Amino acid sequence: MRKGLFAAVVIAGLALSGTFALKAKAAGDYLPVGSKAPDFSAISQEDKAVHLSDYKGKWVVLYFYPKDQTTGCTIEAHNFQRDIKKYEAAKAVVLGVSLDTVESHKTWCSKDTFDFKLLADPDHKVIDAYNVPISERGTMKFAARTTYLIDPKGKVVKVWEVKDIPNHSEQVLAEIAAAQK
């Protein structure tokens, strides 16, 4: 009993100090494959509102990532950018979403020359609509690296909890190609 109480106190202390990441939602609570993808409105780095409904009739790669200009996020974004012509050929668009601000997205897109849209979701409305877990470290919050593939009719086709960052773009393209057969 005392060991259990001690462990609970240590975990609570770590959580309060910000050295322990807490998830807002458990992994695996993502929207189910086959469900209608929720429409949303978010502002891009171009200061324009973007809605999922803007892309009716196209494949949508809606990818959530932790933080602009961090190592993993930069690799992931550059790989999507590298493959952007392949996405266009497949009638697909890539939309990145994070808790970062429009200004942060503008800076990153300017520096790294991304052609696809990055959507600012500081109030995590899109993140919450898609049941993407949020972790906290101190006062900072981060969306879990998650990708939704949405078909031209607005249905969720596939959900990834992204672990293989270097190969993720190819995995998404392969899924689109397989679904189009």
N, C-alpha and C. Protein backbone atom coordinates (compact mmCIF):
# COMPACT_ATOMS: atom_id res chain seq x y z
N MET A 1 0.83 -1.20 0.00
CA MET A 1 0.00 0.00 0.00
C MET A 1 0.87 1.25 0.00
N ARG A 2 1.90 1.28 0.84
CA ARG A 2 2.77 2.46 0.92
C ARG A 2 3.53 2.67 -0.39
N LYS A 3 3.97 1.57 -1.04
CA LYS A 3 4.68 1.69 -2.32
C LYS A 3 3.77 2.31 -3.38
N GLY A 4 2.52 1.87 -3.42
CA GLY A 4 1.56 2.42 -4.38
C GLY A 4 1.31 3.90 -4.14
N LEU A 5 1.18 4.28 -2.89
CA LEU A 5 0.97 5.68 -2.55
C LEU A 5 2.19 6.51 -2.91
N PHE A 6 3.38 5.97 -2.63
CA PHE A 6 4.61 6.66 -2.96
C PHE A 6 4.70 6.88 -4.48
N ALA A 7 4.41 5.83 -5.26
CA ALA A 7 4.47 5.93 -6.71
C ALA A 7 3.48 6.99 -7.22
N ALA A 8 2.29 7.01 -6.66
CA ALA A 8 1.29 8.00 -7.06
C ALA A 8 1.76 9.42 -6.77
N VAL A 9 2.39 9.62 -5.63
CA VAL A 9 2.90 10.94 -5.26
C VAL A 9 4.02 11.36 -6.20
N VAL A 10 4.94 10.44 -6.54
CA VAL A 10 6.04 10.75 -7.44
C VAL A 10 5.51 11.12 -8.82
N ILE A 11 4.56 10.33 -9.35
CA ILE A 11 4.00 10.62 -10.67
C ILE A 11 3.27 11.96 -10.67
N ALA A 12 2.50 12.22 -9.63
CA ALA A 12 1.80 13.51 -9.53
C ALA A 12 2.79 14.66 -9.49
N GLY A 13 3.86 14.49 -8.73
CA GLY A 13 4.88 15.54 -8.64
C GLY A 13 5.55 15.79 -9.97
N LEU A 14 5.87 14.72 -10.70
CA LEU A 14 6.48 14.89 -12.02
C LEU A 14 5.52 15.58 -12.98
N ALA A 15 4.26 15.20 -12.93
CA ALA A 15 3.26 15.81 -13.81
C ALA A 15 3.13 17.30 -13.53
N LEU A 16 3.11 17.66 -12.27
CA LEU A 16 2.98 19.07 -11.91
C LEU A 16 4.22 19.87 -12.26
N SER A 17 5.38 19.24 -12.22
CA SER A 17 6.61 19.96 -12.52
C SER A 17 6.83 20.12 -14.01
N GLY A 18 6.05 19.40 -14.81
CA GLY A 18 6.19 19.53 -16.25
C GLY A 18 7.25 18.64 -16.85
N THR A 19 7.84 17.73 -16.07
CA THR A 19 8.85 16.85 -16.63
C THR A 19 8.26 15.53 -17.09
N PHE A 20 7.00 15.39 -16.99
CA PHE A 20 6.31 14.16 -17.36
C PHE A 20 5.20 14.54 -18.34
N ALA A 21 5.20 13.93 -19.52
CA ALA A 21 4.19 14.27 -20.53
C ALA A 21 2.86 13.63 -20.19
N LEU A 22 1.80 14.40 -20.30
CA LEU A 22 0.45 13.91 -20.07
C LEU A 22 -0.30 13.94 -21.37
N LYS A 23 -1.07 12.93 -21.65
CA LYS A 23 -1.87 12.88 -22.87
C LYS A 23 -3.29 13.30 -22.56
N ALA A 24 -3.84 14.18 -23.38
CA ALA A 24 -5.22 14.62 -23.20
C ALA A 24 -6.19 13.51 -23.57
N LYS A 25 -5.80 12.71 -24.56
CA LYS A 25 -6.62 11.59 -25.00
C LYS A 25 -5.71 10.39 -25.14
N ALA A 26 -6.24 9.24 -24.95
CA ALA A 26 -5.45 8.03 -25.11
C ALA A 26 -5.25 7.74 -26.59
N ALA A 27 -4.07 7.22 -26.93
CA ALA A 27 -3.83 6.80 -28.30
C ALA A 27 -4.84 5.71 -28.65
N GLY A 28 -5.26 5.69 -29.87
CA GLY A 28 -6.23 4.69 -30.29
C GLY A 28 -7.66 5.21 -30.25
N ASP A 29 -7.86 6.42 -29.76
CA ASP A 29 -9.19 7.03 -29.74
C ASP A 29 -9.43 7.87 -31.00
N TYR A 30 -8.65 7.61 -32.04
CA TYR A 30 -8.77 8.37 -33.27
C TYR A 30 -10.12 8.11 -33.93
N LEU A 31 -10.47 8.97 -34.88
CA LEU A 31 -11.71 8.76 -35.63
C LEU A 31 -11.60 7.43 -36.37
N PRO A 32 -12.68 6.67 -36.40
CA PRO A 32 -12.60 5.36 -37.06
C PRO A 32 -12.55 5.46 -38.58
N VAL A 33 -11.84 4.52 -39.20
CA VAL A 33 -11.82 4.41 -40.65
C VAL A 33 -13.26 4.22 -41.11
N GLY A 34 -13.63 4.94 -42.17
CA GLY A 34 -14.97 4.88 -42.71
C GLY A 34 -15.89 5.99 -42.20
N SER A 35 -15.45 6.67 -41.14
CA SER A 35 -16.28 7.76 -40.60
C SER A 35 -16.12 9.02 -41.44
N LYS A 36 -17.10 9.90 -41.34
CA LYS A 36 -17.04 11.18 -42.04
C LYS A 36 -16.02 12.06 -41.30
N ALA A 37 -15.11 12.63 -42.06
CA ALA A 37 -14.11 13.52 -41.49
C ALA A 37 -14.78 14.84 -41.13
N PRO A 38 -14.57 15.33 -39.91
CA PRO A 38 -15.20 16.60 -39.52
C PRO A 38 -14.66 17.78 -40.33
N ASP A 39 -15.58 18.65 -40.76
CA ASP A 39 -15.14 19.87 -41.43
C ASP A 39 -14.51 20.77 -40.38
N PHE A 40 -13.70 21.68 -40.79
CA PHE A 40 -13.03 22.59 -39.85
C PHE A 40 -12.72 23.89 -40.56
N SER A 41 -12.34 24.87 -39.78
CA SER A 41 -11.84 26.13 -40.30
C SER A 41 -10.60 26.49 -39.50
N ALA A 42 -9.52 26.76 -40.22
CA ALA A 42 -8.26 27.17 -39.58
C ALA A 42 -7.54 28.12 -40.53
N ILE A 43 -6.70 28.95 -39.97
CA ILE A 43 -5.98 29.95 -40.76
C ILE A 43 -4.61 29.41 -41.18
N SER A 44 -4.31 29.58 -42.46
CA SER A 44 -3.02 29.11 -43.00
C SER A 44 -1.95 30.19 -42.85
N GLN A 45 -0.73 29.83 -43.25
CA GLN A 45 0.38 30.77 -43.23
C GLN A 45 0.15 31.93 -44.20
N GLU A 46 -0.86 31.79 -45.07
CA GLU A 46 -1.20 32.86 -46.01
C GLU A 46 -2.26 33.80 -45.44
N ASP A 47 -2.60 33.64 -44.16
CA ASP A 47 -3.64 34.43 -43.49
C ASP A 47 -5.02 34.23 -44.11
N LYS A 48 -5.27 33.04 -44.64
CA LYS A 48 -6.56 32.72 -45.25
C LYS A 48 -7.20 31.55 -44.51
N ALA A 49 -8.51 31.61 -44.37
CA ALA A 49 -9.23 30.50 -43.76
C ALA A 49 -9.23 29.30 -44.71
N VAL A 50 -8.98 28.14 -44.14
CA VAL A 50 -8.99 26.89 -44.89
C VAL A 50 -10.02 25.98 -44.23
N HIS A 51 -10.84 25.34 -45.07
CA HIS A 51 -11.86 24.42 -44.60
C HIS A 51 -11.63 23.08 -45.29
N LEU A 52 -11.92 21.99 -44.60
CA LEU A 52 -11.83 20.69 -45.26
C LEU A 52 -12.74 20.66 -46.48
N SER A 53 -13.91 21.27 -46.37
CA SER A 53 -14.87 21.28 -47.47
C SER A 53 -14.34 21.97 -48.74
N ASP A 54 -13.27 22.77 -48.60
CA ASP A 54 -12.64 23.40 -49.77
C ASP A 54 -12.05 22.35 -50.71
N TYR A 55 -11.81 21.15 -50.19
CA TYR A 55 -11.10 20.12 -50.95
C TYR A 55 -11.99 18.93 -51.31
N LYS A 56 -13.29 19.16 -51.34
CA LYS A 56 -14.22 18.10 -51.75
C LYS A 56 -13.82 17.64 -53.15
N GLY A 57 -13.76 16.33 -53.33
CA GLY A 57 -13.36 15.77 -54.62
C GLY A 57 -11.87 15.48 -54.71
N LYS A 58 -11.11 15.81 -53.67
CA LYS A 58 -9.68 15.54 -53.64
C LYS A 58 -9.35 14.67 -52.43
N TRP A 59 -8.23 13.99 -52.53
CA TRP A 59 -7.67 13.31 -51.37
C TRP A 59 -7.05 14.36 -50.47
N VAL A 60 -7.19 14.21 -49.18
CA VAL A 60 -6.59 15.15 -48.23
C VAL A 60 -5.70 14.38 -47.27
N VAL A 61 -4.46 14.81 -47.21
CA VAL A 61 -3.51 14.31 -46.22
C VAL A 61 -3.49 15.36 -45.12
N LEU A 62 -4.17 15.04 -44.02
CA LEU A 62 -4.26 15.97 -42.89
C LEU A 62 -3.31 15.47 -41.83
N TYR A 63 -2.15 16.14 -41.74
CA TYR A 63 -1.15 15.64 -40.81
C TYR A 63 -0.95 16.62 -39.66
N PHE A 64 -0.94 16.06 -38.47
CA PHE A 64 -0.75 16.82 -37.24
C PHE A 64 0.68 16.59 -36.77
N TYR A 65 1.31 17.65 -36.32
CA TYR A 65 2.70 17.54 -35.90
C TYR A 65 2.93 18.39 -34.66
N PRO A 66 4.00 18.09 -33.90
CA PRO A 66 4.21 18.77 -32.62
C PRO A 66 4.59 20.25 -32.69
N LYS A 67 5.61 20.63 -33.49
CA LYS A 67 6.13 21.99 -33.36
C LYS A 67 6.90 22.41 -34.60
N ASP A 68 6.64 23.63 -35.08
CA ASP A 68 7.39 24.19 -36.21
C ASP A 68 8.89 24.20 -35.92
N GLN A 69 9.66 23.94 -36.97
CA GLN A 69 11.11 24.08 -36.98
C GLN A 69 11.83 23.16 -35.99
N THR A 70 11.21 22.07 -35.59
CA THR A 70 11.92 21.07 -34.79
C THR A 70 12.41 19.98 -35.73
N THR A 71 13.35 19.19 -35.29
CA THR A 71 14.03 18.24 -36.17
C THR A 71 13.07 17.27 -36.87
N GLY A 72 12.28 16.52 -36.10
CA GLY A 72 11.37 15.54 -36.70
C GLY A 72 10.34 16.19 -37.58
N CYS A 73 9.82 17.32 -37.15
CA CYS A 73 8.78 18.02 -37.92
C CYS A 73 9.36 18.57 -39.22
N THR A 74 10.59 19.01 -39.19
CA THR A 74 11.24 19.53 -40.39
C THR A 74 11.47 18.40 -41.39
N ILE A 75 11.94 17.25 -40.92
CA ILE A 75 12.13 16.10 -41.81
C ILE A 75 10.80 15.72 -42.45
N GLU A 76 9.76 15.61 -41.63
CA GLU A 76 8.44 15.21 -42.14
C GLU A 76 7.93 16.21 -43.18
N ALA A 77 8.01 17.50 -42.88
CA ALA A 77 7.52 18.54 -43.80
C ALA A 77 8.33 18.55 -45.10
N HIS A 78 9.64 18.42 -45.01
CA HIS A 78 10.47 18.40 -46.22
C HIS A 78 10.15 17.19 -47.09
N ASN A 79 9.83 16.06 -46.48
CA ASN A 79 9.47 14.88 -47.27
C ASN A 79 8.13 15.07 -47.97
N PHE A 80 7.17 15.70 -47.30
CA PHE A 80 5.91 16.02 -47.98
C PHE A 80 6.18 16.99 -49.13
N GLN A 81 7.02 18.00 -48.89
CA GLN A 81 7.35 18.97 -49.94
C GLN A 81 8.06 18.29 -51.10
N ARG A 82 9.00 17.40 -50.80
CA ARG A 82 9.73 16.66 -51.83
C ARG A 82 8.76 15.91 -52.75
N ASP A 83 7.69 15.37 -52.17
CA ASP A 83 6.74 14.54 -52.91
C ASP A 83 5.50 15.31 -53.38
N ILE A 84 5.50 16.64 -53.28
CA ILE A 84 4.28 17.41 -53.56
C ILE A 84 3.76 17.19 -54.98
N LYS A 85 4.63 17.03 -55.96
CA LYS A 85 4.20 16.78 -57.35
C LYS A 85 3.48 15.43 -57.44
N LYS A 86 3.93 14.45 -56.68
CA LYS A 86 3.27 13.13 -56.66
C LYS A 86 1.88 13.25 -56.04
N TYR A 87 1.76 14.07 -55.01
CA TYR A 87 0.43 14.29 -54.40
C TYR A 87 -0.49 14.99 -55.39
N GLU A 88 0.03 16.00 -56.06
CA GLU A 88 -0.78 16.71 -57.05
C GLU A 88 -1.23 15.77 -58.17
N ALA A 89 -0.34 14.88 -58.62
CA ALA A 89 -0.69 13.91 -59.67
C ALA A 89 -1.78 12.95 -59.20
N ALA A 90 -1.81 12.68 -57.90
CA ALA A 90 -2.82 11.79 -57.32
C ALA A 90 -4.09 12.55 -56.93
N LYS A 91 -4.16 13.82 -57.28
CA LYS A 91 -5.30 14.68 -56.90
C LYS A 91 -5.45 14.74 -55.38
N ALA A 92 -4.32 14.97 -54.73
CA ALA A 92 -4.29 15.04 -53.27
C ALA A 92 -3.65 16.35 -52.83
N VAL A 93 -4.08 16.83 -51.66
CA VAL A 93 -3.47 18.00 -51.04
C VAL A 93 -2.91 17.60 -49.68
N VAL A 94 -1.90 18.31 -49.27
CA VAL A 94 -1.28 18.09 -47.96
C VAL A 94 -1.58 19.31 -47.10
N LEU A 95 -2.12 19.07 -45.91
CA LEU A 95 -2.40 20.13 -44.94
C LEU A 95 -1.74 19.74 -43.62
N GLY A 96 -0.84 20.58 -43.13
CA GLY A 96 -0.21 20.35 -41.84
C GLY A 96 -0.91 21.17 -40.77
N VAL A 97 -1.05 20.58 -39.57
CA VAL A 97 -1.73 21.26 -38.47
C VAL A 97 -0.89 21.13 -37.20
N SER A 98 -0.70 22.25 -36.52
CA SER A 98 -0.04 22.22 -35.21
C SER A 98 -0.66 23.30 -34.33
N LEU A 99 -0.24 23.31 -33.09
CA LEU A 99 -0.70 24.31 -32.14
C LEU A 99 0.01 25.65 -32.32
N ASP A 100 0.95 25.71 -33.26
CA ASP A 100 1.70 26.94 -33.50
C ASP A 100 0.81 28.03 -34.10
N THR A 101 1.29 29.25 -34.08
CA THR A 101 0.55 30.41 -34.57
C THR A 101 0.76 30.60 -36.08
N VAL A 102 -0.06 31.44 -36.67
CA VAL A 102 0.09 31.80 -38.07
C VAL A 102 1.48 32.41 -38.31
N GLU A 103 1.90 33.27 -37.41
CA GLU A 103 3.22 33.91 -37.55
C GLU A 103 4.35 32.88 -37.54
N SER A 104 4.26 31.90 -36.68
CA SER A 104 5.27 30.84 -36.64
C SER A 104 5.28 30.08 -37.97
N HIS A 105 4.10 29.78 -38.50
CA HIS A 105 4.01 29.09 -39.79
C HIS A 105 4.59 29.94 -40.91
N LYS A 106 4.30 31.24 -40.90
CA LYS A 106 4.83 32.13 -41.94
C LYS A 106 6.36 32.09 -41.93
N THR A 107 6.93 32.19 -40.75
CA THR A 107 8.39 32.19 -40.62
C THR A 107 8.98 30.89 -41.15
N TRP A 108 8.38 29.77 -40.74
CA TRP A 108 8.90 28.47 -41.16
C TRP A 108 8.75 28.25 -42.67
N CYS A 109 7.59 28.58 -43.21
CA CYS A 109 7.36 28.40 -44.64
C CYS A 109 8.28 29.29 -45.47
N SER A 110 8.53 30.49 -44.99
CA SER A 110 9.43 31.41 -45.68
C SER A 110 10.86 30.86 -45.66
N LYS A 111 11.26 30.36 -44.52
CA LYS A 111 12.62 29.83 -44.35
C LYS A 111 12.83 28.54 -45.14
N ASP A 112 11.86 27.64 -45.11
CA ASP A 112 12.03 26.31 -45.70
C ASP A 112 11.27 26.12 -47.01
N THR A 113 10.61 27.14 -47.49
CA THR A 113 9.90 27.16 -48.77
C THR A 113 8.93 25.98 -48.97
N PHE A 114 7.96 25.88 -48.09
CA PHE A 114 6.92 24.87 -48.23
C PHE A 114 5.80 25.43 -49.10
N ASP A 115 5.32 24.62 -50.05
CA ASP A 115 4.24 25.03 -50.94
C ASP A 115 2.87 24.64 -50.41
N PHE A 116 2.81 23.69 -49.51
CA PHE A 116 1.52 23.25 -48.99
C PHE A 116 1.14 24.10 -47.78
N LYS A 117 -0.10 23.97 -47.36
CA LYS A 117 -0.61 24.83 -46.29
C LYS A 117 -0.32 24.24 -44.91
N LEU A 118 0.12 25.12 -44.03
CA LEU A 118 0.25 24.81 -42.61
C LEU A 118 -0.84 25.59 -41.89
N LEU A 119 -1.62 24.89 -41.09
CA LEU A 119 -2.77 25.50 -40.42
C LEU A 119 -2.48 25.73 -38.95
N ALA A 120 -2.77 26.93 -38.50
CA ALA A 120 -2.57 27.30 -37.10
C ALA A 120 -3.79 26.86 -36.30
N ASP A 121 -3.54 26.13 -35.21
CA ASP A 121 -4.63 25.63 -34.37
C ASP A 121 -4.28 25.82 -32.89
N PRO A 122 -3.96 27.08 -32.49
CA PRO A 122 -3.54 27.31 -31.10
C PRO A 122 -4.61 26.99 -30.07
N ASP A 123 -5.88 27.03 -30.47
CA ASP A 123 -6.97 26.69 -29.54
C ASP A 123 -7.37 25.22 -29.65
N HIS A 124 -6.62 24.47 -30.40
CA HIS A 124 -6.78 23.03 -30.69
C HIS A 124 -8.20 22.59 -31.03
N LYS A 125 -8.89 23.39 -31.83
CA LYS A 125 -10.23 23.01 -32.29
C LYS A 125 -10.17 21.89 -33.33
N VAL A 126 -9.26 21.99 -34.28
CA VAL A 126 -9.10 20.94 -35.28
C VAL A 126 -8.51 19.69 -34.62
N ILE A 127 -7.50 19.89 -33.81
CA ILE A 127 -6.86 18.78 -33.10
C ILE A 127 -7.89 18.01 -32.27
N ASP A 128 -8.74 18.72 -31.56
CA ASP A 128 -9.78 18.07 -30.75
C ASP A 128 -10.81 17.36 -31.64
N ALA A 129 -11.19 17.98 -32.76
CA ALA A 129 -12.20 17.38 -33.64
C ALA A 129 -11.71 16.04 -34.20
N TYR A 130 -10.40 15.90 -34.35
CA TYR A 130 -9.81 14.67 -34.88
C TYR A 130 -9.24 13.77 -33.78
N ASN A 131 -9.54 14.09 -32.53
CA ASN A 131 -9.12 13.27 -31.38
C ASN A 131 -7.61 13.02 -31.34
N VAL A 132 -6.84 14.02 -31.72
CA VAL A 132 -5.39 13.91 -31.68
C VAL A 132 -4.92 14.22 -30.26
N PRO A 133 -4.16 13.31 -29.66
CA PRO A 133 -3.67 13.56 -28.30
C PRO A 133 -2.77 14.80 -28.24
N ILE A 134 -2.81 15.47 -27.12
CA ILE A 134 -1.95 16.61 -26.85
C ILE A 134 -1.10 16.27 -25.64
N SER A 135 0.20 16.50 -25.74
CA SER A 135 1.07 16.30 -24.59
C SER A 135 1.51 17.67 -24.09
N GLU A 136 1.86 17.72 -22.83
CA GLU A 136 2.29 18.97 -22.21
C GLU A 136 3.66 18.77 -21.59
N ARG A 137 4.45 19.80 -21.71
CA ARG A 137 5.75 19.84 -21.03
C ARG A 137 5.88 21.25 -20.49
N GLY A 138 5.70 21.38 -19.18
CA GLY A 138 5.67 22.71 -18.58
C GLY A 138 4.47 23.46 -19.12
N THR A 139 4.70 24.64 -19.67
CA THR A 139 3.61 25.43 -20.24
C THR A 139 3.41 25.18 -21.73
N MET A 140 4.28 24.35 -22.33
CA MET A 140 4.21 24.06 -23.77
C MET A 140 3.28 22.88 -24.01
N LYS A 141 2.52 22.96 -25.12
CA LYS A 141 1.65 21.86 -25.54
C LYS A 141 2.03 21.45 -26.95
N PHE A 142 1.89 20.15 -27.21
CA PHE A 142 2.28 19.60 -28.50
C PHE A 142 1.24 18.58 -28.97
N ALA A 143 0.85 18.67 -30.25
CA ALA A 143 -0.03 17.66 -30.83
C ALA A 143 0.79 16.42 -31.14
N ALA A 144 0.18 15.25 -30.96
CA ALA A 144 0.85 14.00 -31.30
C ALA A 144 0.99 13.91 -32.82
N ARG A 145 2.08 13.31 -33.26
CA ARG A 145 2.34 13.16 -34.70
C ARG A 145 1.37 12.11 -35.25
N THR A 146 0.34 12.60 -35.95
CA THR A 146 -0.76 11.77 -36.43
C THR A 146 -1.14 12.22 -37.83
N THR A 147 -1.45 11.28 -38.70
CA THR A 147 -1.90 11.63 -40.05
C THR A 147 -3.21 10.94 -40.36
N TYR A 148 -4.13 11.71 -40.91
CA TYR A 148 -5.40 11.19 -41.43
C TYR A 148 -5.36 11.28 -42.94
N LEU A 149 -5.74 10.20 -43.60
CA LEU A 149 -5.95 10.23 -45.05
C LEU A 149 -7.46 10.24 -45.26
N ILE A 150 -7.93 11.26 -45.96
CA ILE A 150 -9.35 11.48 -46.19
C ILE A 150 -9.61 11.36 -47.69
N ASP A 151 -10.61 10.55 -48.06
CA ASP A 151 -10.88 10.33 -49.48
C ASP A 151 -11.67 11.49 -50.09
N PRO A 152 -11.83 11.49 -51.41
CA PRO A 152 -12.52 12.61 -52.07
C PRO A 152 -13.97 12.81 -51.64
N LYS A 153 -14.57 11.82 -51.00
CA LYS A 153 -15.94 11.95 -50.51
C LYS A 153 -15.99 12.41 -49.06
N GLY A 154 -14.82 12.63 -48.45
CA GLY A 154 -14.77 13.14 -47.09
C GLY A 154 -14.77 12.07 -46.01
N LYS A 155 -14.42 10.84 -46.37
CA LYS A 155 -14.37 9.74 -45.40
C LYS A 155 -12.93 9.45 -44.99
N VAL A 156 -12.75 9.08 -43.73
CA VAL A 156 -11.44 8.69 -43.22
C VAL A 156 -11.09 7.32 -43.81
N VAL A 157 -9.95 7.25 -44.49
CA VAL A 157 -9.50 6.01 -45.12
C VAL A 157 -8.44 5.32 -44.27
N LYS A 158 -7.58 6.11 -43.64
CA LYS A 158 -6.46 5.55 -42.87
C LYS A 158 -6.02 6.57 -41.83
N VAL A 159 -5.55 6.06 -40.69
CA VAL A 159 -4.99 6.90 -39.64
C VAL A 159 -3.64 6.31 -39.24
N TRP A 160 -2.65 7.16 -39.17
CA TRP A 160 -1.32 6.74 -38.74
C TRP A 160 -0.95 7.45 -37.44
N GLU A 161 -0.43 6.71 -36.47
CA GLU A 161 0.33 7.27 -35.36
C GLU A 161 1.76 7.20 -35.88
N VAL A 162 2.27 8.30 -36.36
CA VAL A 162 3.51 8.30 -37.13
C VAL A 162 4.72 8.01 -36.24
N LYS A 163 5.41 6.94 -36.60
CA LYS A 163 6.65 6.56 -35.91
C LYS A 163 7.84 6.60 -36.88
N ASP A 164 7.57 6.28 -38.15
CA ASP A 164 8.62 6.20 -39.17
C ASP A 164 8.61 7.50 -39.98
N ILE A 165 9.14 8.55 -39.38
CA ILE A 165 9.09 9.89 -40.01
C ILE A 165 9.75 9.90 -41.39
N PRO A 166 10.95 9.34 -41.56
CA PRO A 166 11.60 9.44 -42.88
C PRO A 166 10.82 8.80 -44.02
N ASN A 167 10.03 7.77 -43.73
CA ASN A 167 9.31 7.05 -44.79
C ASN A 167 7.82 7.34 -44.81
N HIS A 168 7.37 8.25 -43.99
CA HIS A 168 5.93 8.46 -43.85
C HIS A 168 5.27 8.97 -45.13
N SER A 169 5.87 9.91 -45.81
CA SER A 169 5.27 10.44 -47.04
C SER A 169 5.08 9.33 -48.07
N GLU A 170 6.08 8.45 -48.21
CA GLU A 170 5.94 7.33 -49.15
C GLU A 170 4.82 6.38 -48.73
N GLN A 171 4.65 6.18 -47.42
CA GLN A 171 3.57 5.33 -46.92
C GLN A 171 2.21 5.92 -47.29
N VAL A 172 2.08 7.23 -47.16
CA VAL A 172 0.81 7.89 -47.49
C VAL A 172 0.54 7.78 -48.99
N LEU A 173 1.56 8.04 -49.80
CA LEU A 173 1.39 7.94 -51.26
C LEU A 173 1.01 6.52 -51.66
N ALA A 174 1.62 5.52 -51.04
CA ALA A 174 1.29 4.12 -51.34
C ALA A 174 -0.16 3.81 -50.99
N GLU A 175 -0.62 4.36 -49.88
CA GLU A 175 -2.01 4.14 -49.46
C GLU A 175 -2.98 4.78 -50.44
N ILE A 176 -2.65 5.97 -50.91
CA ILE A 176 -3.50 6.64 -51.90
C ILE A 176 -3.54 5.81 -53.19
N ALA A 177 -2.38 5.36 -53.64
CA ALA A 177 -2.29 4.56 -54.87
C ALA A 177 -3.11 3.27 -54.74
N ALA A 178 -3.00 2.60 -53.60
CA ALA A 178 -3.75 1.36 -53.38
C ALA A 178 -5.25 1.61 -53.36
N ALA A 179 -5.66 2.71 -52.76
CA ALA A 179 -7.10 3.02 -52.65
C ALA A 179 -7.68 3.44 -53.99
N GLN A 180 -6.86 3.96 -54.89
CA GLN A 180 -7.34 4.42 -56.18
C GLN A 180 -7.49 3.28 -57.18
N LYS A 181 -6.99 2.10 -56.86
CA LYS A 181 -7.07 0.94 -57.79
C LYS A 181 -8.45 0.36 -57.82
